[in-house]
C-alpha cells in the first residue's frame, strides 16, 4: 500500500480538481500535487506524511482546495478498508506564483493499515 498512490486515488474520486504526483508542463489553474514528505511507518502501520501543494485561481481558492482535500481524506478514513486516519499537521500559504495564482501547502499525517 502506497500512501501517495492512495491519496491520489481518494482525491481524484472525491474532488473536481486535477491531481497528480508531478506538476504538468501546462499546469491547470486549479491543481493538487501529492508528494511524500516524511514517513514514520512500522511493519503493521504505514504512517506517511503527505504534502499537498494546492494551486487555485486566487489565494482564497487555493486554501479552499487544500481544505477540501483534507476533508476528503478525513471522510475516506471513516470507511476505507486501509486508511484509518488523516490528520492535518500544518497548512500554510505559499508565495504567490508569477501569474498571480494562490498556492497553499498542507502536510497531512496518514495512518494506513497494512494488508499483511
PDB file of N, CA and C in Angstrom:
ATOM      1  N   UNK A   1       0.863  -1.176   0.000  1.00  0.00           N
ATOM      2  CA  UNK A   1       0.000   0.000   0.000  1.00  0.00           C
ATOM      3  C   UNK A   1       0.904   1.232   0.000  1.00  0.00           C
ATOM      4  N   UNK A   2       0.693   2.108  -0.934  1.00  0.00           N
ATOM      5  CA  UNK A   2       1.498   3.319  -1.077  1.00  0.00           C
ATOM      6  C   UNK A   2       0.656   4.527  -0.680  1.00  0.00           C
ATOM      7  N   UNK A   3       1.139   5.324   0.282  1.00  0.00           N
ATOM      8  CA  UNK A   3       0.384   6.473   0.770  1.00  0.00           C
ATOM      9  C   UNK A   3       0.119   7.529  -0.284  1.00  0.00           C
ATOM     10  N   UNK A   4       1.098   7.765  -1.148  1.00  0.00           N
ATOM     11  CA  UNK A   4       0.915   8.766  -2.202  1.00  0.00           C
ATOM     12  C   UNK A   4      -0.144   8.283  -3.191  1.00  0.00           C
ATOM     13  N   UNK A   5      -0.015   7.042  -3.620  1.00  0.00           N
ATOM     14  CA  UNK A   5      -0.977   6.478  -4.574  1.00  0.00           C
ATOM     15  C   UNK A   5      -2.389   6.464  -3.989  1.00  0.00           C
ATOM     16  N   UNK A   6      -2.506   6.079  -2.728  1.00  0.00           N
ATOM     17  CA  UNK A   6      -3.808   6.054  -2.059  1.00  0.00           C
ATOM     18  C   UNK A   6      -4.404   7.460  -2.002  1.00  0.00           C
ATOM     19  N   UNK A   7      -3.582   8.440  -1.656  1.00  0.00           N
ATOM     20  CA  UNK A   7      -4.050   9.828  -1.584  1.00  0.00           C
ATOM     21  C   UNK A   7      -4.516  10.328  -2.940  1.00  0.00           C
ATOM     22  N   UNK A   8      -3.741  10.071  -3.972  1.00  0.00           N
ATOM     23  CA  UNK A   8      -4.123  10.495  -5.329  1.00  0.00           C
ATOM     24  C   UNK A   8      -5.462   9.868  -5.713  1.00  0.00           C
ATOM     25  N   UNK A   9      -5.622   8.581  -5.459  1.00  0.00           N
ATOM     26  CA  UNK A   9      -6.867   7.890  -5.810  1.00  0.00           C
ATOM     27  C   UNK A   9      -8.065   8.490  -5.084  1.00  0.00           C
ATOM     28  N   UNK A  10      -7.924   8.703  -3.783  1.00  0.00           N
ATOM     29  CA  UNK A  10      -9.034   9.261  -2.996  1.00  0.00           C
ATOM     30  C   UNK A  10      -9.384  10.661  -3.484  1.00  0.00           C
ATOM     31  N   UNK A  11      -8.381  11.495  -3.707  1.00  0.00           N
ATOM     32  CA  UNK A  11      -8.664  12.876  -4.127  1.00  0.00           C
ATOM     33  C   UNK A  11      -9.249  12.938  -5.530  1.00  0.00           C
ATOM     34  N   UNK A  12      -8.772  12.094  -6.431  1.00  0.00           N
ATOM     35  CA  UNK A  12      -9.342  12.068  -7.789  1.00  0.00           C
ATOM     36  C   UNK A  12     -10.807  11.666  -7.764  1.00  0.00           C
ATOM     37  N   UNK A  13     -11.156  10.720  -6.879  1.00  0.00           N
ATOM     38  CA  UNK A  13     -12.537  10.260  -6.791  1.00  0.00           C
ATOM     39  C   UNK A  13     -13.437  11.248  -6.061  1.00  0.00           C
ATOM     40  N   UNK A  14     -12.858  12.090  -5.208  1.00  0.00           N
ATOM     41  CA  UNK A  14     -13.656  12.952  -4.334  1.00  0.00           C
ATOM     42  C   UNK A  14     -13.774  14.396  -4.787  1.00  0.00           C
ATOM     43  N   UNK A  15     -12.784  14.890  -5.499  1.00  0.00           N
ATOM     44  CA  UNK A  15     -12.750  16.318  -5.839  1.00  0.00           C
ATOM     45  C   UNK A  15     -12.836  16.529  -7.342  1.00  0.00           C
ATOM     46  N   UNK A  16     -13.290  17.671  -7.729  1.00  0.00           N
ATOM     47  CA  UNK A  16     -13.333  18.039  -9.141  1.00  0.00           C
ATOM     48  C   UNK A  16     -12.116  18.859  -9.534  1.00  0.00           C
ATOM     49  N   UNK A  17     -10.960  18.514  -8.955  1.00  0.00           N
ATOM     50  CA  UNK A  17      -9.715  19.235  -9.210  1.00  0.00           C
ATOM     51  C   UNK A  17      -8.695  18.222  -9.712  1.00  0.00           C
ATOM     52  N   UNK A  18      -7.948  18.538 -10.773  1.00  0.00           N
ATOM     53  CA  UNK A  18      -6.915  17.613 -11.234  1.00  0.00           C
ATOM     54  C   UNK A  18      -5.881  17.356 -10.136  1.00  0.00           C
ATOM     55  N   UNK A  19      -5.437  16.095 -10.042  1.00  0.00           N
ATOM     56  CA  UNK A  19      -4.492  15.667  -9.006  1.00  0.00           C
ATOM     57  C   UNK A  19      -3.389  14.859  -9.680  1.00  0.00           C
ATOM     58  N   UNK A  20      -2.149  15.050  -9.226  1.00  0.00           N
ATOM     59  CA  UNK A  20      -1.036  14.276  -9.762  1.00  0.00           C
ATOM     60  C   UNK A  20       0.158  14.303  -8.839  1.00  0.00           C
ATOM     61  N   UNK A  21       1.185  13.554  -9.229  1.00  0.00           N
ATOM     62  CA  UNK A  21       2.406  13.495  -8.432  1.00  0.00           C
ATOM     63  C   UNK A  21       3.520  14.353  -9.027  1.00  0.00           C
ATOM     64  N   UNK A  22       3.265  14.948 -10.161  1.00  0.00           N
ATOM     65  CA  UNK A  22       4.207  15.869 -10.789  1.00  0.00           C
ATOM     66  C   UNK A  22       3.412  17.034 -11.361  1.00  0.00           C
ATOM     67  N   UNK A  23       4.044  18.179 -11.407  1.00  0.00           N
ATOM     68  CA  UNK A  23       3.385  19.352 -11.979  1.00  0.00           C
ATOM     69  C   UNK A  23       3.484  19.251 -13.498  1.00  0.00           C
ATOM     70  N   UNK A  24       2.349  19.214 -14.186  1.00  0.00           N
ATOM     71  CA  UNK A  24       2.391  19.129 -15.643  1.00  0.00           C
ATOM     72  C   UNK A  24       2.926  20.420 -16.260  1.00  0.00           C
ATOM     73  N   UNK A  25       3.500  20.288 -17.428  1.00  0.00           N
ATOM     74  CA  UNK A  25       4.066  21.449 -18.133  1.00  0.00           C
ATOM     75  C   UNK A  25       3.011  22.554 -18.271  1.00  0.00           C
ATOM     76  N   UNK A  26       1.809  22.166 -18.646  1.00  0.00           N
ATOM     77  CA  UNK A  26       0.705  23.128 -18.778  1.00  0.00           C
ATOM     78  C   UNK A  26      -0.232  22.957 -17.590  1.00  0.00           C
ATOM     79  N   UNK A  27       0.272  23.275 -16.397  1.00  0.00           N
ATOM     80  CA  UNK A  27      -0.496  23.087 -15.175  1.00  0.00           C
ATOM     81  C   UNK A  27      -1.793  23.877 -15.234  1.00  0.00           C
ATOM     82  N   UNK A  28      -2.915  23.211 -14.915  1.00  0.00           N
ATOM     83  CA  UNK A  28      -4.186  23.941 -14.863  1.00  0.00           C
ATOM     84  C   UNK A  28      -4.164  24.954 -13.720  1.00  0.00           C
ATOM     85  N   UNK A  29      -5.062  25.928 -13.765  1.00  0.00           N
ATOM     86  CA  UNK A  29      -5.129  26.931 -12.700  1.00  0.00           C
ATOM     87  C   UNK A  29      -5.406  26.296 -11.351  1.00  0.00           C
ATOM     88  N   UNK A  30      -6.244  25.284 -11.334  1.00  0.00           N
ATOM     89  CA  UNK A  30      -6.563  24.563 -10.092  1.00  0.00           C
ATOM     90  C   UNK A  30      -5.910  23.186 -10.204  1.00  0.00           C
ATOM     91  N   UNK A  31      -5.040  22.871  -9.242  1.00  0.00           N
ATOM     92  CA  UNK A  31      -4.286  21.622  -9.323  1.00  0.00           C
ATOM     93  C   UNK A  31      -3.781  21.241  -7.934  1.00  0.00           C
ATOM     94  N   UNK A  32      -3.693  19.929  -7.669  1.00  0.00           N
ATOM     95  CA  UNK A  32      -3.114  19.423  -6.430  1.00  0.00           C
ATOM     96  C   UNK A  32      -1.975  18.479  -6.777  1.00  0.00           C
ATOM     97  N   UNK A  33      -0.788  18.780  -6.253  1.00  0.00           N
ATOM     98  CA  UNK A  33       0.344  17.867  -6.387  1.00  0.00           C
ATOM     99  C   UNK A  33       0.511  17.128  -5.058  1.00  0.00           C
ATOM    100  N   UNK A  34       0.620  15.806  -5.133  1.00  0.00           N
ATOM    101  CA  UNK A  34       0.754  14.948  -3.952  1.00  0.00           C
ATOM    102  C   UNK A  34       2.182  14.420  -3.903  1.00  0.00           C
ATOM    103  N   UNK A  35       2.809  14.535  -2.719  1.00  0.00           N
ATOM    104  CA  UNK A  35       4.184  14.090  -2.566  1.00  0.00           C
ATOM    105  C   UNK A  35       4.385  13.521  -1.159  1.00  0.00           C
ATOM    106  N   UNK A  36       5.340  12.616  -1.025  1.00  0.00           N
ATOM    107  CA  UNK A  36       5.702  12.076   0.282  1.00  0.00           C
ATOM    108  C   UNK A  36       6.694  13.034   0.925  1.00  0.00           C
ATOM    109  N   UNK A  37       6.363  13.517   2.140  1.00  0.00           N
ATOM    110  CA  UNK A  37       7.216  14.480   2.840  1.00  0.00           C
ATOM    111  C   UNK A  37       7.958  13.854   4.014  1.00  0.00           C
ATOM    112  N   UNK A  38       7.524  12.702   4.460  1.00  0.00           N
ATOM    113  CA  UNK A  38       8.161  12.016   5.584  1.00  0.00           C
ATOM    114  C   UNK A  38       7.463  10.693   5.814  1.00  0.00           C
ATOM    115  N   UNK A  39       8.051   9.882   6.693  1.00  0.00           N
ATOM    116  CA  UNK A  39       7.481   8.561   6.918  1.00  0.00           C
ATOM    117  C   UNK A  39       7.899   8.046   8.288  1.00  0.00           C
ATOM    118  N   UNK A  40       6.925   7.634   9.074  1.00  0.00           N
ATOM    119  CA  UNK A  40       7.184   7.040  10.388  1.00  0.00           C
ATOM    120  C   UNK A  40       6.478   5.690  10.477  1.00  0.00           C
ATOM    121  N   UNK A  41       6.677   4.877   9.461  1.00  0.00           N
ATOM    122  CA  UNK A  41       5.971   3.602   9.362  1.00  0.00           C
ATOM    123  C   UNK A  41       6.577   2.533  10.253  1.00  0.00           C
ATOM    124  N   UNK A  42       5.752   1.531  10.547  1.00  0.00           N
ATOM    125  CA  UNK A  42       6.171   0.325  11.262  1.00  0.00           C
ATOM    126  C   UNK A  42       5.710  -0.860  10.410  1.00  0.00           C
ATOM    127  N   UNK A  43       6.046  -2.075  10.807  1.00  0.00           N
ATOM    128  CA  UNK A  43       5.608  -3.220   9.996  1.00  0.00           C
ATOM    129  C   UNK A  43       4.086  -3.355   9.861  1.00  0.00           C
ATOM    130  N   UNK A  44       3.333  -2.897  10.849  1.00  0.00           N
ATOM    131  CA  UNK A  44       1.881  -3.067  10.801  1.00  0.00           C
ATOM    132  C   UNK A  44       1.116  -1.813  10.409  1.00  0.00           C
ATOM    133  N   UNK A  45       1.738  -0.654  10.575  1.00  0.00           N
ATOM    134  CA  UNK A  45       1.081   0.611  10.228  1.00  0.00           C
ATOM    135  C   UNK A  45       1.991   1.459   9.352  1.00  0.00           C
ATOM    136  N   UNK A  46       1.418   1.950   8.282  1.00  0.00           N
ATOM    137  CA  UNK A  46       2.137   2.919   7.459  1.00  0.00           C
ATOM    138  C   UNK A  46       1.757   4.304   7.964  1.00  0.00           C
ATOM    139  N   UNK A  47       2.733   5.154   8.195  1.00  0.00           N
ATOM    140  CA  UNK A  47       2.492   6.488   8.746  1.00  0.00           C
ATOM    141  C   UNK A  47       3.165   7.551   7.862  1.00  0.00           C
ATOM    142  N   UNK A  48       2.734   7.669   6.604  1.00  0.00           N
ATOM    143  CA  UNK A  48       3.355   8.666   5.742  1.00  0.00           C
ATOM    144  C   UNK A  48       2.864  10.079   6.067  1.00  0.00           C
ATOM    145  N   UNK A  49       3.749  11.039   5.895  1.00  0.00           N
ATOM    146  CA  UNK A  49       3.353  12.453   5.948  1.00  0.00           C
ATOM    147  C   UNK A  49       3.286  12.904   4.496  1.00  0.00           C
ATOM    148  N   UNK A  50       2.087  13.277   4.088  1.00  0.00           N
ATOM    149  CA  UNK A  50       1.813  13.627   2.700  1.00  0.00           C
ATOM    150  C   UNK A  50       1.772  15.149   2.554  1.00  0.00           C
ATOM    151  N   UNK A  51       2.478  15.638   1.556  1.00  0.00           N
ATOM    152  CA  UNK A  51       2.456  17.071   1.241  1.00  0.00           C
ATOM    153  C   UNK A  51       1.506  17.289   0.067  1.00  0.00           C
ATOM    154  N   UNK A  52       0.546  18.175   0.268  1.00  0.00           N
ATOM    155  CA  UNK A  52      -0.365  18.571  -0.805  1.00  0.00           C
ATOM    156  C   UNK A  52      -0.058  20.008  -1.164  1.00  0.00           C
ATOM    157  N   UNK A  53       0.423  20.232  -2.368  1.00  0.00           N
ATOM    158  CA  UNK A  53       0.611  21.589  -2.865  1.00  0.00           C
ATOM    159  C   UNK A  53      -0.607  21.892  -3.727  1.00  0.00           C
ATOM    160  N   UNK A  54      -1.372  22.899  -3.307  1.00  0.00           N
ATOM    161  CA  UNK A  54      -2.659  23.191  -3.941  1.00  0.00           C
ATOM    162  C   UNK A  54      -2.622  24.562  -4.601  1.00  0.00           C
ATOM    163  N   UNK A  55      -2.810  24.581  -5.911  1.00  0.00           N
ATOM    164  CA  UNK A  55      -2.901  25.829  -6.648  1.00  0.00           C
ATOM    165  C   UNK A  55      -4.364  26.167  -6.875  1.00  0.00           C
ATOM    166  N   UNK A  56      -4.678  27.435  -6.854  1.00  0.00           N
ATOM    167  CA  UNK A  56      -6.028  27.901  -7.129  1.00  0.00           C
ATOM    168  C   UNK A  56      -5.989  29.186  -7.928  1.00  0.00           C
ATOM    169  N   UNK A  57      -7.149  29.588  -8.413  1.00  0.00           N
ATOM    170  CA  UNK A  57      -7.242  30.814  -9.203  1.00  0.00           C
ATOM    171  C   UNK A  57      -6.882  32.034  -8.376  1.00  0.00           C
ATOM    172  N   UNK A  58      -7.159  31.958  -7.084  1.00  0.00           N
ATOM    173  CA  UNK A  58      -6.840  33.032  -6.142  1.00  0.00           C
ATOM    174  C   UNK A  58      -6.285  32.390  -4.876  1.00  0.00           C
ATOM    175  N   UNK A  59      -5.809  33.221  -3.976  1.00  0.00           N
ATOM    176  CA  UNK A  59      -5.320  32.718  -2.696  1.00  0.00           C
ATOM    177  C   UNK A  59      -6.446  32.000  -1.946  1.00  0.00           C
ATOM    178  N   UNK A  60      -7.625  32.593  -1.935  1.00  0.00           N
ATOM    179  CA  UNK A  60      -8.776  32.000  -1.249  1.00  0.00           C
ATOM    180  C   UNK A  60      -9.162  30.665  -1.882  1.00  0.00           C
ATOM    181  N   UNK A  61      -9.097  30.573  -3.202  1.00  0.00           N
ATOM    182  CA  UNK A  61      -9.427  29.340  -3.906  1.00  0.00           C
ATOM    183  C   UNK A  61      -8.420  28.240  -3.567  1.00  0.00           C
ATOM    184  N   UNK A  62      -7.136  28.570  -3.517  1.00  0.00           N
ATOM    185  CA  UNK A  62      -6.113  27.579  -3.177  1.00  0.00           C
ATOM    186  C   UNK A  62      -6.329  27.042  -1.766  1.00  0.00           C
ATOM    187  N   UNK A  63      -6.662  27.911  -0.834  1.00  0.00           N
ATOM    188  CA  UNK A  63      -6.937  27.480   0.546  1.00  0.00           C
ATOM    189  C   UNK A  63      -8.165  26.569   0.582  1.00  0.00           C
ATOM    190  N   UNK A  64      -9.183  26.922  -0.182  1.00  0.00           N
ATOM    191  CA  UNK A  64     -10.394  26.112  -0.243  1.00  0.00           C
ATOM    192  C   UNK A  64     -10.094  24.716  -0.796  1.00  0.00           C
ATOM    193  N   UNK A  65      -9.238  24.635  -1.799  1.00  0.00           N
ATOM    194  CA  UNK A  65      -8.861  23.339  -2.366  1.00  0.00           C
ATOM    195  C   UNK A  65      -8.134  22.504  -1.319  1.00  0.00           C
ATOM    196  N   UNK A  66      -7.209  23.117  -0.591  1.00  0.00           N
ATOM    197  CA  UNK A  66      -6.460  22.400   0.451  1.00  0.00           C
ATOM    198  C   UNK A  66      -7.406  21.873   1.534  1.00  0.00           C
ATOM    199  N   UNK A  67      -8.349  22.700   1.960  1.00  0.00           N
ATOM    200  CA  UNK A  67      -9.305  22.272   2.984  1.00  0.00           C
ATOM    201  C   UNK A  67     -10.229  21.169   2.467  1.00  0.00           C
ATOM    202  N   UNK A  68     -10.637  21.268   1.206  1.00  0.00           N
ATOM    203  CA  UNK A  68     -11.486  20.226   0.606  1.00  0.00           C
ATOM    204  C   UNK A  68     -10.734  18.902   0.501  1.00  0.00           C
ATOM    205  N   UNK A  69      -9.440  18.973   0.183  1.00  0.00           N
ATOM    206  CA  UNK A  69      -8.632  17.749   0.106  1.00  0.00           C
ATOM    207  C   UNK A  69      -8.520  17.103   1.482  1.00  0.00           C
ATOM    208  N   UNK A  70      -8.276  17.917   2.501  1.00  0.00           N
ATOM    209  CA  UNK A  70      -8.213  17.396   3.865  1.00  0.00           C
ATOM    210  C   UNK A  70      -9.536  16.742   4.247  1.00  0.00           C
ATOM    211  N   UNK A  71     -10.646  17.420   3.981  1.00  0.00           N
ATOM    212  CA  UNK A  71     -11.970  16.861   4.279  1.00  0.00           C
ATOM    213  C   UNK A  71     -12.184  15.521   3.578  1.00  0.00           C
ATOM    214  N   UNK A  72     -11.788  15.441   2.301  1.00  0.00           N
ATOM    215  CA  UNK A  72     -11.972  14.209   1.535  1.00  0.00           C
ATOM    216  C   UNK A  72     -11.188  13.058   2.156  1.00  0.00           C
ATOM    217  N   UNK A  73      -9.959  13.326   2.594  1.00  0.00           N
ATOM    218  CA  UNK A  73      -9.150  12.275   3.214  1.00  0.00           C
ATOM    219  C   UNK A  73      -9.723  11.868   4.573  1.00  0.00           C
ATOM    220  N   UNK A  74     -10.185  12.844   5.341  1.00  0.00           N
ATOM    221  CA  UNK A  74     -10.764  12.519   6.647  1.00  0.00           C
ATOM    222  C   UNK A  74     -12.056  11.726   6.494  1.00  0.00           C
ATOM    223  N   UNK A  75     -12.886  12.088   5.530  1.00  0.00           N
ATOM    224  CA  UNK A  75     -14.115  11.326   5.278  1.00  0.00           C
ATOM    225  C   UNK A  75     -13.789   9.906   4.826  1.00  0.00           C
ATOM    226  N   UNK A  76     -12.789   9.770   3.958  1.00  0.00           N
ATOM    227  CA  UNK A  76     -12.409   8.442   3.477  1.00  0.00           C
ATOM    228  C   UNK A  76     -11.913   7.564   4.620  1.00  0.00           C
ATOM    229  N   UNK A  77     -11.278   8.164   5.614  1.00  0.00           N
ATOM    230  CA  UNK A  77     -10.739   7.372   6.729  1.00  0.00           C
ATOM    231  C   UNK A  77     -11.833   6.742   7.581  1.00  0.00           C
ATOM    232  N   UNK A  78     -13.056   7.213   7.435  1.00  0.00           N
ATOM    233  CA  UNK A  78     -14.160   6.656   8.219  1.00  0.00           C
ATOM    234  C   UNK A  78     -14.629   5.296   7.719  1.00  0.00           C
ATOM    235  N   UNK A  79     -14.443   5.022   6.413  1.00  0.00           N
ATOM    236  CA  UNK A  79     -14.931   3.742   5.909  1.00  0.00           C
ATOM    237  C   UNK A  79     -13.987   3.049   4.918  1.00  0.00           C
ATOM    238  N   UNK A  80     -12.799   3.579   4.723  1.00  0.00           N
ATOM    239  CA  UNK A  80     -11.837   2.954   3.809  1.00  0.00           C
ATOM    240  C   UNK A  80     -11.254   1.697   4.461  1.00  0.00           C
ATOM    241  N   UNK A  81     -11.044   0.635   3.702  1.00  0.00           N
ATOM    242  CA  UNK A  81     -10.530  -0.599   4.303  1.00  0.00           C
ATOM    243  C   UNK A  81      -9.102  -0.477   4.865  1.00  0.00           C
ATOM    244  N   UNK A  82      -8.309   0.468   4.393  1.00  0.00           N
ATOM    245  CA  UNK A  82      -6.931   0.601   4.870  1.00  0.00           C
ATOM    246  C   UNK A  82      -6.650   1.930   5.556  1.00  0.00           C
ATOM    247  N   UNK A  83      -7.212   3.012   5.057  1.00  0.00           N
ATOM    248  CA  UNK A  83      -6.951   4.330   5.636  1.00  0.00           C
ATOM    249  C   UNK A  83      -7.756   4.487   6.920  1.00  0.00           C
ATOM    250  N   UNK A  84      -7.067   4.680   8.046  1.00  0.00           N
ATOM    251  CA  UNK A  84      -7.788   4.795   9.310  1.00  0.00           C
ATOM    252  C   UNK A  84      -7.698   6.179   9.937  1.00  0.00           C
ATOM    253  N   UNK A  85      -6.825   7.059   9.424  1.00  0.00           N
ATOM    254  CA  UNK A  85      -6.760   8.410   9.968  1.00  0.00           C
ATOM    255  C   UNK A  85      -6.062   9.339   8.990  1.00  0.00           C
ATOM    256  N   UNK A  86      -6.505  10.588   8.987  1.00  0.00           N
ATOM    257  CA  UNK A  86      -5.879  11.646   8.204  1.00  0.00           C
ATOM    258  C   UNK A  86      -5.927  12.906   9.062  1.00  0.00           C
ATOM    259  N   UNK A  87      -4.765  13.311   9.572  1.00  0.00           N
ATOM    260  CA  UNK A  87      -4.697  14.439  10.497  1.00  0.00           C
ATOM    261  C   UNK A  87      -3.820  15.547   9.922  1.00  0.00           C
ATOM    262  N   UNK A  88      -4.349  16.742   9.930  1.00  0.00           N
ATOM    263  CA  UNK A  88      -3.594  17.895   9.444  1.00  0.00           C
ATOM    264  C   UNK A  88      -2.471  18.220  10.426  1.00  0.00           C
ATOM    265  N   UNK A  89      -1.262  18.287   9.916  1.00  0.00           N
ATOM    266  CA  UNK A  89      -0.124  18.715  10.732  1.00  0.00           C
ATOM    267  C   UNK A  89       0.018  20.222  10.651  1.00  0.00           C
ATOM    268  N   UNK A  90       0.003  20.741   9.430  1.00  0.00           N
ATOM    269  CA  UNK A  90       0.111  22.184   9.239  1.00  0.00           C
ATOM    270  C   UNK A  90      -0.385  22.556   7.845  1.00  0.00           C
ATOM    271  N   UNK A  91      -0.853  23.781   7.724  1.00  0.00           N
ATOM    272  CA  UNK A  91      -1.231  24.312   6.424  1.00  0.00           C
ATOM    273  C   UNK A  91      -0.718  25.742   6.356  1.00  0.00           C
ATOM    274  N   UNK A  92      -0.111  26.084   5.240  1.00  0.00           N
ATOM    275  CA  UNK A  92       0.441  27.430   5.124  1.00  0.00           C
ATOM    276  C   UNK A  92       0.291  27.951   3.707  1.00  0.00           C
ATOM    277  N   UNK A  93       0.198  29.248   3.638  1.00  0.00           N
ATOM    278  CA  UNK A  93       0.115  29.919   2.348  1.00  0.00           C
ATOM    279  C   UNK A  93       1.522  30.026   1.795  1.00  0.00           C
ATOM    280  N   UNK A  94       1.674  29.670   0.544  1.00  0.00           N
ATOM    281  CA  UNK A  94       2.952  29.815  -0.120  1.00  0.00           C
ATOM    282  C   UNK A  94       2.923  31.115  -0.916  1.00  0.00           C
ATOM    283  N   UNK A  95       4.078  31.583  -1.305  1.00  0.00           N
ATOM    284  CA  UNK A  95       4.138  32.843  -2.054  1.00  0.00           C
ATOM    285  C   UNK A  95       3.338  32.736  -3.336  1.00  0.00           C
ATOM    286  N   UNK A  96       2.830  33.865  -3.752  1.00  0.00           N
ATOM    287  CA  UNK A  96       2.063  33.914  -4.993  1.00  0.00           C
ATOM    288  C   UNK A  96       2.936  33.486  -6.162  1.00  0.00           C
ATOM    289  N   UNK A  97       2.342  32.761  -7.074  1.00  0.00           N
ATOM    290  CA  UNK A  97       3.072  32.377  -8.274  1.00  0.00           C
ATOM    291  C   UNK A  97       3.163  33.578  -9.206  1.00  0.00           C
ATOM    292  N   UNK A  98       3.972  33.475 -10.192  1.00  0.00           N
ATOM    293  CA  UNK A  98       4.225  34.611 -11.098  1.00  0.00           C
ATOM    294  C   UNK A  98       2.966  35.133 -11.777  1.00  0.00           C
ATOM    295  N   UNK A  99       2.018  34.249 -12.025  1.00  0.00           N
ATOM    296  CA  UNK A  99       0.817  34.683 -12.731  1.00  0.00           C
ATOM    297  C   UNK A  99      -0.304  35.085 -11.776  1.00  0.00           C
ATOM    298  N   UNK A 100       0.017  35.257 -10.495  1.00  0.00           N
ATOM    299  CA  UNK A 100      -0.961  35.758  -9.543  1.00  0.00           C
ATOM    300  C   UNK A 100      -1.851  34.712  -8.912  1.00  0.00           C
ATOM    301  N   UNK A 101      -1.617  33.451  -9.212  1.00  0.00           N
ATOM    302  CA  UNK A 101      -2.421  32.398  -8.612  1.00  0.00           C
ATOM    303  C   UNK A 101      -2.016  32.168  -7.163  1.00  0.00           C
ATOM    304  N   UNK A 102      -2.952  31.659  -6.365  1.00  0.00           N
ATOM    305  CA  UNK A 102      -2.655  31.329  -4.982  1.00  0.00           C
ATOM    306  C   UNK A 102      -2.111  29.920  -4.876  1.00  0.00           C
ATOM    307  N   UNK A 103      -1.367  29.667  -3.786  1.00  0.00           N
ATOM    308  CA  UNK A 103      -0.824  28.329  -3.566  1.00  0.00           C
ATOM    309  C   UNK A 103      -0.744  28.085  -2.059  1.00  0.00           C
ATOM    310  N   UNK A 104      -1.269  26.935  -1.645  1.00  0.00           N
ATOM    311  CA  UNK A 104      -1.221  26.520  -0.248  1.00  0.00           C
ATOM    312  C   UNK A 104      -0.529  25.163  -0.156  1.00  0.00           C
ATOM    313  N   UNK A 105       0.175  24.954   0.953  1.00  0.00           N
ATOM    314  CA  UNK A 105       0.800  23.675   1.237  1.00  0.00           C
ATOM    315  C   UNK A 105       0.166  23.108   2.496  1.00  0.00           C
ATOM    316  N   UNK A 106      -0.324  21.878   2.398  1.00  0.00           N
ATOM    317  CA  UNK A 106      -0.890  21.180   3.554  1.00  0.00           C
ATOM    318  C   UNK A 106      -0.086  19.913   3.795  1.00  0.00           C
ATOM    319  N   UNK A 107       0.364  19.727   5.040  1.00  0.00           N
ATOM    320  CA  UNK A 107       1.037  18.491   5.430  1.00  0.00           C
ATOM    321  C   UNK A 107       0.052  17.666   6.240  1.00  0.00           C
ATOM    322  N   UNK A 108      -0.212  16.457   5.772  1.00  0.00           N
ATOM    323  CA  UNK A 108      -1.225  15.604   6.380  1.00  0.00           C
ATOM    324  C   UNK A 108      -0.595  14.280   6.765  1.00  0.00           C
ATOM    325  N   UNK A 109      -0.777  13.884   8.018  1.00  0.00           N
ATOM    326  CA  UNK A 109      -0.292  12.608   8.510  1.00  0.00           C
ATOM    327  C   UNK A 109      -1.375  11.557   8.328  1.00  0.00           C
ATOM    328  N   UNK A 110      -1.049  10.517   7.581  1.00  0.00           N
ATOM    329  CA  UNK A 110      -1.987   9.423   7.352  1.00  0.00           C
ATOM    330  C   UNK A 110      -1.609   8.212   8.201  1.00  0.00           C
ATOM    331  N   UNK A 111      -2.602   7.447   8.599  1.00  0.00           N
ATOM    332  CA  UNK A 111      -2.377   6.148   9.208  1.00  0.00           C
ATOM    333  C   UNK A 111      -3.056   5.125   8.304  1.00  0.00           C
ATOM    334  N   UNK A 112      -2.249   4.211   7.790  1.00  0.00           N
ATOM    335  CA  UNK A 112      -2.733   3.207   6.851  1.00  0.00           C
ATOM    336  C   UNK A 112      -2.418   1.828   7.418  1.00  0.00           C
ATOM    337  N   UNK A 113      -3.446   1.000   7.534  1.00  0.00           N
ATOM    338  CA  UNK A 113      -3.244  -0.373   7.986  1.00  0.00           C
ATOM    339  C   UNK A 113      -2.666  -1.189   6.829  1.00  0.00           C
ATOM    340  N   UNK A 114      -1.661  -1.972   7.116  1.00  0.00           N
ATOM    341  CA  UNK A 114      -1.115  -2.801   6.053  1.00  0.00           C
ATOM    342  C   UNK A 114      -2.034  -3.987   5.833  1.00  0.00           C
ATOM    343  N   UNK A 115      -1.900  -4.613   4.680  1.00  0.00           N
ATOM    344  CA  UNK A 115      -2.771  -5.745   4.347  1.00  0.00           C
ATOM    345  C   UNK A 115      -2.143  -7.071   4.728  1.00  0.00           C
ATOM    346  N   UNK A 116      -1.127  -7.021   5.570  1.00  0.00           N
ATOM    347  CA  UNK A 116      -0.460  -8.260   5.988  1.00  0.00           C
ATOM    348  C   UNK A 116      -1.199  -8.924   7.124  1.00  0.00           C
TER     349      UNK A 116
END
